[in-house]
PDB file of N, CA and C in Angstrom:
ATOM      1  N   MET A   1      83.635 111.539  71.187  1.00  0.00           N
ATOM      2  CA  MET A   1      84.368 111.756  72.370  1.00  0.00           C
ATOM      3  C   MET A   1      84.836 113.065  72.638  1.00  0.00           C
ATOM      4  N   THR A   2      84.683 113.626  73.781  1.00  0.00           N
ATOM      5  CA  THR A   2      85.230 114.954  74.142  1.00  0.00           C
ATOM      6  C   THR A   2      86.886 114.872  74.247  1.00  0.00           C
ATOM      7  N   ASN A   3      87.277 115.920  73.785  1.00  0.00           N
ATOM      8  CA  ASN A   3      88.580 116.095  73.945  1.00  0.00           C
ATOM      9  C   ASN A   3      89.144 115.861  75.678  1.00  0.00           C
ATOM     10  N   LYS A   4      88.650 116.307  76.346  1.00  0.00           N
ATOM     11  CA  LYS A   4      88.615 116.023  78.003  1.00  0.00           C
ATOM     12  C   LYS A   4      88.881 114.448  78.275  1.00  0.00           C
ATOM     13  N   LYS A   5      87.980 113.849  77.372  1.00  0.00           N
ATOM     14  CA  LYS A   5      87.983 112.209  77.685  1.00  0.00           C
ATOM     15  C   LYS A   5      89.442 111.867  77.000  1.00  0.00           C
ATOM     16  N   LYS A   6      89.618 112.321  75.741  1.00  0.00           N
ATOM     17  CA  LYS A   6      90.653 111.898  75.163  1.00  0.00           C
ATOM     18  C   LYS A   6      92.086 112.045  75.754  1.00  0.00           C
ATOM     19  N   THR A   7      92.108 113.327  76.388  1.00  0.00           N
ATOM     20  CA  THR A   7      93.541 113.765  77.277  1.00  0.00           C
ATOM     21  C   THR A   7      93.414 112.471  78.223  1.00  0.00           C
ATOM     22  N   GLU A   8      92.335 112.521  79.074  1.00  0.00           N
ATOM     23  CA  GLU A   8      92.396 111.418  80.255  1.00  0.00           C
ATOM     24  C   GLU A   8      92.798 110.231  79.758  1.00  0.00           C
ATOM     25  N   GLU A   9      92.216 109.658  78.618  1.00  0.00           N
ATOM     26  CA  GLU A   9      92.675 108.336  78.106  1.00  0.00           C
ATOM     27  C   GLU A   9      94.143 108.173  77.848  1.00  0.00           C
ATOM     28  N   GLN A  10      94.658 109.432  77.338  1.00  0.00           N
ATOM     29  CA  GLN A  10      96.136 109.433  77.169  1.00  0.00           C
ATOM     30  C   GLN A  10      96.921 109.474  78.679  1.00  0.00           C
ATOM     31  N   GLY A  11      96.182 109.631  79.635  1.00  0.00           N
ATOM     32  CA  GLY A  11      97.022 109.543  80.923  1.00  0.00           C
ATOM     33  C   GLY A  11      97.387 110.887  81.666  1.00  0.00           C
ATOM     34  N   PHE A  12      96.471 111.838  81.124  1.00  0.00           N
ATOM     35  CA  PHE A  12      96.815 113.264  81.828  1.00  0.00           C
ATOM     36  C   PHE A  12      95.501 113.760  82.307  1.00  0.00           C
ATOM     37  N   HIS A  13      95.421 114.039  83.619  1.00  0.00           N
ATOM     38  CA  HIS A  13      94.084 114.522  84.346  1.00  0.00           C
ATOM     39  C   HIS A  13      94.758 115.744  84.906  1.00  0.00           C
ATOM     40  N   PHE A  14      94.092 116.978  84.375  1.00  0.00           N
ATOM     41  CA  PHE A  14      94.221 118.019  84.911  1.00  0.00           C
ATOM     42  C   PHE A  14      94.144 118.513  86.293  1.00  0.00           C
ATOM     43  N   GLU A  15      93.123 118.033  87.069  1.00  0.00           N
ATOM     44  CA  GLU A  15      92.794 118.152  88.415  1.00  0.00           C
ATOM     45  C   GLU A  15      93.610 117.492  89.054  1.00  0.00           C
ATOM     46  N   ALA A  16      94.101 116.195  88.791  1.00  0.00           N
ATOM     47  CA  ALA A  16      94.978 115.224  89.517  1.00  0.00           C
ATOM     48  C   ALA A  16      96.369 115.779  89.355  1.00  0.00           C
ATOM     49  N   ALA A  17      96.579 116.526  88.326  1.00  0.00           N
ATOM     50  CA  ALA A  17      98.029 117.192  88.298  1.00  0.00           C
ATOM     51  C   ALA A  17      98.180 118.120  89.250  1.00  0.00           C
ATOM     52  N   MET A  18      96.987 119.286  89.233  1.00  0.00           N
ATOM     53  CA  MET A  18      96.867 120.094  90.227  1.00  0.00           C
ATOM     54  C   MET A  18      97.259 119.679  91.712  1.00  0.00           C
ATOM     55  N   ASN A  19      96.351 118.747  91.863  1.00  0.00           N
ATOM     56  CA  ASN A  19      96.519 118.309  93.370  1.00  0.00           C
ATOM     57  C   ASN A  19      97.882 117.757  93.943  1.00  0.00           C
ATOM     58  N   GLN A  20      98.318 116.732  92.763  1.00  0.00           N
ATOM     59  CA  GLN A  20      99.725 116.517  93.020  1.00  0.00           C
ATOM     60  C   GLN A  20     100.692 117.431  93.399  1.00  0.00           C
ATOM     61  N   ILE A  21     100.538 118.622  92.594  1.00  0.00           N
ATOM     62  CA  ILE A  21     101.576 120.027  92.626  1.00  0.00           C
ATOM     63  C   ILE A  21     101.167 120.656  93.987  1.00  0.00           C
ATOM     64  N   GLU A  22     100.066 120.691  94.410  1.00  0.00           N
ATOM     65  CA  GLU A  22      99.724 121.465  95.858  1.00  0.00           C
ATOM     66  C   GLU A  22     100.631 120.370  96.799  1.00  0.00           C
ATOM     67  N   SER A  23     100.467 119.035  96.538  1.00  0.00           N
ATOM     68  CA  SER A  23     101.236 118.074  97.645  1.00  0.00           C
ATOM     69  C   SER A  23     102.548 118.239  97.515  1.00  0.00           C
ATOM     70  N   ILE A  24     103.496 118.496  96.350  1.00  0.00           N
ATOM     71  CA  ILE A  24     104.502 118.536  96.074  1.00  0.00           C
ATOM     72  C   ILE A  24     104.975 119.830  97.268  1.00  0.00           C
ATOM     73  N   VAL A  25     104.179 120.969  96.612  1.00  0.00           N
ATOM     74  CA  VAL A  25     104.755 122.524  97.198  1.00  0.00           C
ATOM     75  C   VAL A  25     104.491 122.121  98.652  1.00  0.00           C
ATOM     76  N   LYS A  26     103.599 121.507  99.339  1.00  0.00           N
ATOM     77  CA  LYS A  26     103.626 121.578 100.792  1.00  0.00           C
ATOM     78  C   LYS A  26     104.687 120.710 101.257  1.00  0.00           C
ATOM     79  N   ILE A  27     105.262 119.433 100.549  1.00  0.00           N
ATOM     80  CA  ILE A  27     106.243 118.597 100.935  1.00  0.00           C
ATOM     81  C   ILE A  27     107.677 119.530 100.830  1.00  0.00           C
ATOM     82  N   LEU A  28     107.557 120.390  99.935  1.00  0.00           N
ATOM     83  CA  LEU A  28     109.048 121.294  99.711  1.00  0.00           C
ATOM     84  C   LEU A  28     108.798 122.453 100.862  1.00  0.00           C
ATOM     85  N   GLU A  29     107.860 123.206 101.253  1.00  0.00           N
ATOM     86  CA  GLU A  29     107.451 124.050 102.004  1.00  0.00           C
ATOM     87  C   GLU A  29     107.776 123.654 103.423  1.00  0.00           C
ATOM     88  N   GLU A  30     107.458 122.397 103.836  1.00  0.00           N
ATOM     89  CA  GLU A  30     107.689 121.969 105.115  1.00  0.00           C
ATOM     90  C   GLU A  30     108.832 121.268 105.350  1.00  0.00           C
ATOM     91  N   ASN A  31     109.812 121.026 104.171  1.00  0.00           N
ATOM     92  CA  ASN A  31     110.761 120.584 104.042  1.00  0.00           C
ATOM     93  C   ASN A  31     110.781 119.140 104.939  1.00  0.00           C
ATOM     94  N   LYS A  32     110.008 118.098 104.481  1.00  0.00           N
ATOM     95  CA  LYS A  32     110.066 117.164 105.143  1.00  0.00           C
ATOM     96  C   LYS A  32     110.953 116.051 105.097  1.00  0.00           C
ATOM     97  N   THR A  33     111.819 116.311 104.143  1.00  0.00           N
ATOM     98  CA  THR A  33     113.112 115.413 103.888  1.00  0.00           C
ATOM     99  C   THR A  33     114.363 116.240 103.862  1.00  0.00           C
ATOM    100  N   ASN A  34     115.315 115.859 104.584  1.00  0.00           N
ATOM    101  CA  ASN A  34     116.715 116.668 104.286  1.00  0.00           C
ATOM    102  C   ASN A  34     117.560 115.975 103.288  1.00  0.00           C
ATOM    103  N   ASP A  35     117.000 114.924 102.499  1.00  0.00           N
ATOM    104  CA  ASP A  35     117.928 114.348 101.293  1.00  0.00           C
ATOM    105  C   ASP A  35     117.639 115.083 100.339  1.00  0.00           C
ATOM    106  N   ILE A  36     118.869 115.510  99.684  1.00  0.00           N
ATOM    107  CA  ILE A  36     118.745 116.874  98.610  1.00  0.00           C
ATOM    108  C   ILE A  36     118.096 115.903  97.466  1.00  0.00           C
ATOM    109  N   ASP A  37     118.443 114.760  97.317  1.00  0.00           N
ATOM    110  CA  ASP A  37     118.176 114.023  96.035  1.00  0.00           C
ATOM    111  C   ASP A  37     116.354 113.922  95.989  1.00  0.00           C
ATOM    112  N   SER A  38     116.027 113.731  97.165  1.00  0.00           N
ATOM    113  CA  SER A  38     114.479 113.705  97.314  1.00  0.00           C
ATOM    114  C   SER A  38     113.916 115.131  97.003  1.00  0.00           C
ATOM    115  N   LEU A  39     114.421 116.254  97.542  1.00  0.00           N
ATOM    116  CA  LEU A  39     113.941 117.531  97.377  1.00  0.00           C
ATOM    117  C   LEU A  39     114.016 117.811  95.708  1.00  0.00           C
ATOM    118  N   LEU A  40     115.129 117.553  95.084  1.00  0.00           N
ATOM    119  CA  LEU A  40     115.378 117.735  93.899  1.00  0.00           C
ATOM    120  C   LEU A  40     114.466 116.841  93.006  1.00  0.00           C
ATOM    121  N   HIS A  41     114.179 115.593  93.374  1.00  0.00           N
ATOM    122  CA  HIS A  41     113.194 114.818  92.562  1.00  0.00           C
ATOM    123  C   HIS A  41     112.023 115.549  92.853  1.00  0.00           C
ATOM    124  N   TYR A  42     111.218 116.167  93.838  1.00  0.00           N
ATOM    125  CA  TYR A  42     109.980 116.521  94.073  1.00  0.00           C
ATOM    126  C   TYR A  42     110.026 117.889  93.223  1.00  0.00           C
ATOM    127  N   PHE A  43     111.017 118.786  93.001  1.00  0.00           N
ATOM    128  CA  PHE A  43     111.159 119.799  92.168  1.00  0.00           C
ATOM    129  C   PHE A  43     111.281 119.527  90.777  1.00  0.00           C
ATOM    130  N   GLU A  44     111.754 118.428  90.487  1.00  0.00           N
ATOM    131  CA  GLU A  44     111.603 118.148  89.123  1.00  0.00           C
ATOM    132  C   GLU A  44     110.350 117.505  88.729  1.00  0.00           C
ATOM    133  N   GLU A  45     109.594 116.938  89.530  1.00  0.00           N
ATOM    134  CA  GLU A  45     108.219 116.476  89.368  1.00  0.00           C
ATOM    135  C   GLU A  45     107.254 117.471  89.239  1.00  0.00           C
ATOM    136  N   GLY A  46     107.340 118.462  90.199  1.00  0.00           N
ATOM    137  CA  GLY A  46     106.615 119.324  89.997  1.00  0.00           C
ATOM    138  C   GLY A  46     106.510 120.327  88.797  1.00  0.00           C
ATOM    139  N   SER A  47     108.000 120.410  88.429  1.00  0.00           N
ATOM    140  CA  SER A  47     108.164 121.333  87.366  1.00  0.00           C
ATOM    141  C   SER A  47     107.403 120.664  86.016  1.00  0.00           C
ATOM    142  N   ASP A  48     107.718 119.535  85.874  1.00  0.00           N
ATOM    143  CA  ASP A  48     107.277 118.722  84.786  1.00  0.00           C
ATOM    144  C   ASP A  48     105.745 118.723  84.859  1.00  0.00           C
ATOM    145  N   LEU A  49     104.978 118.555  85.923  1.00  0.00           N
ATOM    146  CA  LEU A  49     103.248 118.695  86.133  1.00  0.00           C
ATOM    147  C   LEU A  49     103.080 120.223  85.678  1.00  0.00           C
ATOM    148  N   ILE A  50     103.772 121.139  86.033  1.00  0.00           N
ATOM    149  CA  ILE A  50     103.393 122.574  85.748  1.00  0.00           C
ATOM    150  C   ILE A  50     103.506 122.636  84.443  1.00  0.00           C
ATOM    151  N   LYS A  51     104.674 122.121  83.828  1.00  0.00           N
ATOM    152  CA  LYS A  51     104.599 122.408  82.395  1.00  0.00           C
ATOM    153  C   LYS A  51     103.507 121.593  81.805  1.00  0.00           C
ATOM    154  N   LYS A  52     103.005 120.552  82.007  1.00  0.00           N
ATOM    155  CA  LYS A  52     102.100 119.941  81.280  1.00  0.00           C
ATOM    156  C   LYS A  52     100.810 120.709  81.412  1.00  0.00           C
ATOM    157  N   CYS A  53     100.355 121.207  82.886  1.00  0.00           N
ATOM    158  CA  CYS A  53      99.303 121.713  83.090  1.00  0.00           C
ATOM    159  C   CYS A  53      99.117 123.262  82.054  1.00  0.00           C
ATOM    160  N   TYR A  54     100.483 123.671  82.271  1.00  0.00           N
ATOM    161  CA  TYR A  54     100.494 124.809  81.044  1.00  0.00           C
ATOM    162  C   TYR A  54     100.007 124.814  79.740  1.00  0.00           C
ATOM    163  N   ASP A  55     100.653 123.727  79.247  1.00  0.00           N
ATOM    164  CA  ASP A  55     100.458 123.076  78.049  1.00  0.00           C
ATOM    165  C   ASP A  55      98.863 122.812  77.832  1.00  0.00           C
ATOM    166  N   TYR A  56      98.504 122.304  78.459  1.00  0.00           N
ATOM    167  CA  TYR A  56      96.919 121.773  78.649  1.00  0.00           C
ATOM    168  C   TYR A  56      95.908 122.979  78.549  1.00  0.00           C
ATOM    169  N   LEU A  57      96.400 124.023  79.339  1.00  0.00           N
ATOM    170  CA  LEU A  57      95.664 125.440  79.219  1.00  0.00           C
ATOM    171  C   LEU A  57      95.957 125.930  78.074  1.00  0.00           C
ATOM    172  N   GLU A  58      97.093 126.130  77.681  1.00  0.00           N
ATOM    173  CA  GLU A  58      97.242 126.689  76.451  1.00  0.00           C
ATOM    174  C   GLU A  58      96.611 126.154  75.503  1.00  0.00           C
ATOM    175  N   HIS A  59      96.443 124.873  75.280  1.00  0.00           N
ATOM    176  CA  HIS A  59      95.779 124.073  74.170  1.00  0.00           C
ATOM    177  C   HIS A  59      94.314 124.443  74.323  1.00  0.00           C
ATOM    178  N   ALA A  60      93.692 124.767  75.510  1.00  0.00           N
ATOM    179  CA  ALA A  60      92.275 124.845  75.830  1.00  0.00           C
ATOM    180  C   ALA A  60      92.032 126.008  75.354  1.00  0.00           C
ATOM    181  N   GLU A  61      93.185 127.010  75.658  1.00  0.00           N
ATOM    182  CA  GLU A  61      92.665 128.576  75.101  1.00  0.00           C
ATOM    183  C   GLU A  61      92.815 128.585  73.707  1.00  0.00           C
ATOM    184  N   THR A  62      93.470 127.925  73.009  1.00  0.00           N
ATOM    185  CA  THR A  62      93.718 127.925  71.554  1.00  0.00           C
ATOM    186  C   THR A  62      92.227 127.209  71.113  1.00  0.00           C
ATOM    187  N   ARG A  63      91.780 126.416  71.543  1.00  0.00           N
ATOM    188  CA  ARG A  63      90.523 125.506  71.016  1.00  0.00           C
ATOM    189  C   ARG A  63      89.244 126.896  71.177  1.00  0.00           C
ATOM    190  N   ILE A  64      89.304 127.662  72.542  1.00  0.00           N
ATOM    191  CA  ILE A  64      88.200 128.585  72.779  1.00  0.00           C
ATOM    192  C   ILE A  64      88.272 129.629  71.898  1.00  0.00           C
ATOM    193  N   HIS A  65      89.375 130.231  71.542  1.00  0.00           N
ATOM    194  CA  HIS A  65      89.687 131.229  70.383  1.00  0.00           C
ATOM    195  C   HIS A  65      89.022 130.661  69.017  1.00  0.00           C
ATOM    196  N   SER A  66      89.373 129.413  68.567  1.00  0.00           N
ATOM    197  CA  SER A  66      88.887 128.846  67.458  1.00  0.00           C
ATOM    198  C   SER A  66      87.339 128.686  67.486  1.00  0.00           C
ATOM    199  N   ILE A  67      86.683 128.195  68.472  1.00  0.00           N
ATOM    200  CA  ILE A  67      85.223 128.134  68.492  1.00  0.00           C
ATOM    201  C   ILE A  67      84.850 129.303  68.587  1.00  0.00           C
ATOM    202  N   THR A  68      85.137 130.292  69.266  1.00  0.00           N
ATOM    203  CA  THR A  68      84.667 131.787  69.269  1.00  0.00           C
ATOM    204  C   THR A  68      84.834 132.522  67.957  1.00  0.00           C
ATOM    205  N   LYS A  69      85.895 132.308  67.163  1.00  0.00           N
ATOM    206  CA  LYS A  69      86.107 132.708  65.819  1.00  0.00           C
ATOM    207  C   LYS A  69      84.895 132.166  64.813  1.00  0.00           C
ATOM    208  N   ASN A  70      84.739 131.009  65.142  1.00  0.00           N
ATOM    209  CA  ASN A  70      83.922 130.173  64.155  1.00  0.00           C
ATOM    210  C   ASN A  70      82.555 130.402  64.476  1.00  0.00           C
ATOM    211  N   THR A  71      82.079 130.708  65.908  1.00  0.00           N
ATOM    212  CA  THR A  71      80.892 131.317  66.144  1.00  0.00           C
ATOM    213  C   THR A  71      80.572 132.467  65.443  1.00  0.00           C
ATOM    214  N   GLN A  72      81.515 133.212  65.533  1.00  0.00           N
ATOM    215  CA  GLN A  72      81.373 134.699  65.261  1.00  0.00           C
ATOM    216  C   GLN A  72      81.258 134.835  63.768  1.00  0.00           C
ATOM    217  N   SER A  73      81.971 134.010  62.933  1.00  0.00           N
ATOM    218  CA  SER A  73      81.908 133.882  61.526  1.00  0.00           C
ATOM    219  C   SER A  73      80.678 133.578  61.219  1.00  0.00           C
ATOM    220  N   GLU A  74      80.149 132.276  61.646  1.00  0.00           N
ATOM    221  CA  GLU A  74      78.682 131.856  61.546  1.00  0.00           C
ATOM    222  C   GLU A  74      77.367 132.984  61.779  1.00  0.00           C
ATOM    223  N   LYS A  75      77.578 133.450  62.868  1.00  0.00           N
ATOM    224  CA  LYS A  75      76.734 134.551  63.048  1.00  0.00           C
ATOM    225  C   LYS A  75      76.732 135.648  61.852  1.00  0.00           C
ATOM    226  N   ARG A  76      77.806 136.191  61.463  1.00  0.00           N
ATOM    227  CA  ARG A  76      77.968 136.823  60.436  1.00  0.00           C
ATOM    228  C   ARG A  76      77.176 136.441  59.135  1.00  0.00           C
ATOM    229  N   ASP A  77      77.491 135.225  58.736  1.00  0.00           N
ATOM    230  CA  ASP A  77      76.946 134.448  57.859  1.00  0.00           C
ATOM    231  C   ASP A  77      75.451 134.658  57.802  1.00  0.00           C
ATOM    232  N   ASP A  78      74.898 134.249  59.030  1.00  0.00           N
ATOM    233  CA  ASP A  78      73.561 134.206  59.419  1.00  0.00           C
ATOM    234  C   ASP A  78      72.710 135.792  59.094  1.00  0.00           C
ATOM    235  N   GLU A  79      73.482 136.845  59.137  1.00  0.00           N
ATOM    236  CA  GLU A  79      73.116 137.992  59.366  1.00  0.00           C
ATOM    237  C   GLU A  79      73.123 138.584  57.653  1.00  0.00           C
ATOM    238  N   SER A  80      73.854 137.898  57.019  1.00  0.00           N
ATOM    239  CA  SER A  80      73.997 138.314  55.663  1.00  0.00           C
ATOM    240  C   SER A  80      72.536 137.935  54.898  1.00  0.00           C
TER     241      SER A  80
END
């Protein structure tokens, strides 16, 4: 099972989160509500989603570095 599938099974879908962030930004930009509690809720929800997306991308970057490092190490071993 791929890590993407594992992450999705755990309930986080990066693309869906990005789409939701875009929707929240539109709501906040258009100020579709005058209720401060609603605005704060959208802001908090957007902030949480941004944090989750950032963590997801940070984890992906770490994995890429690890894979690249392993690939380079194997290449050097093959050349020896």
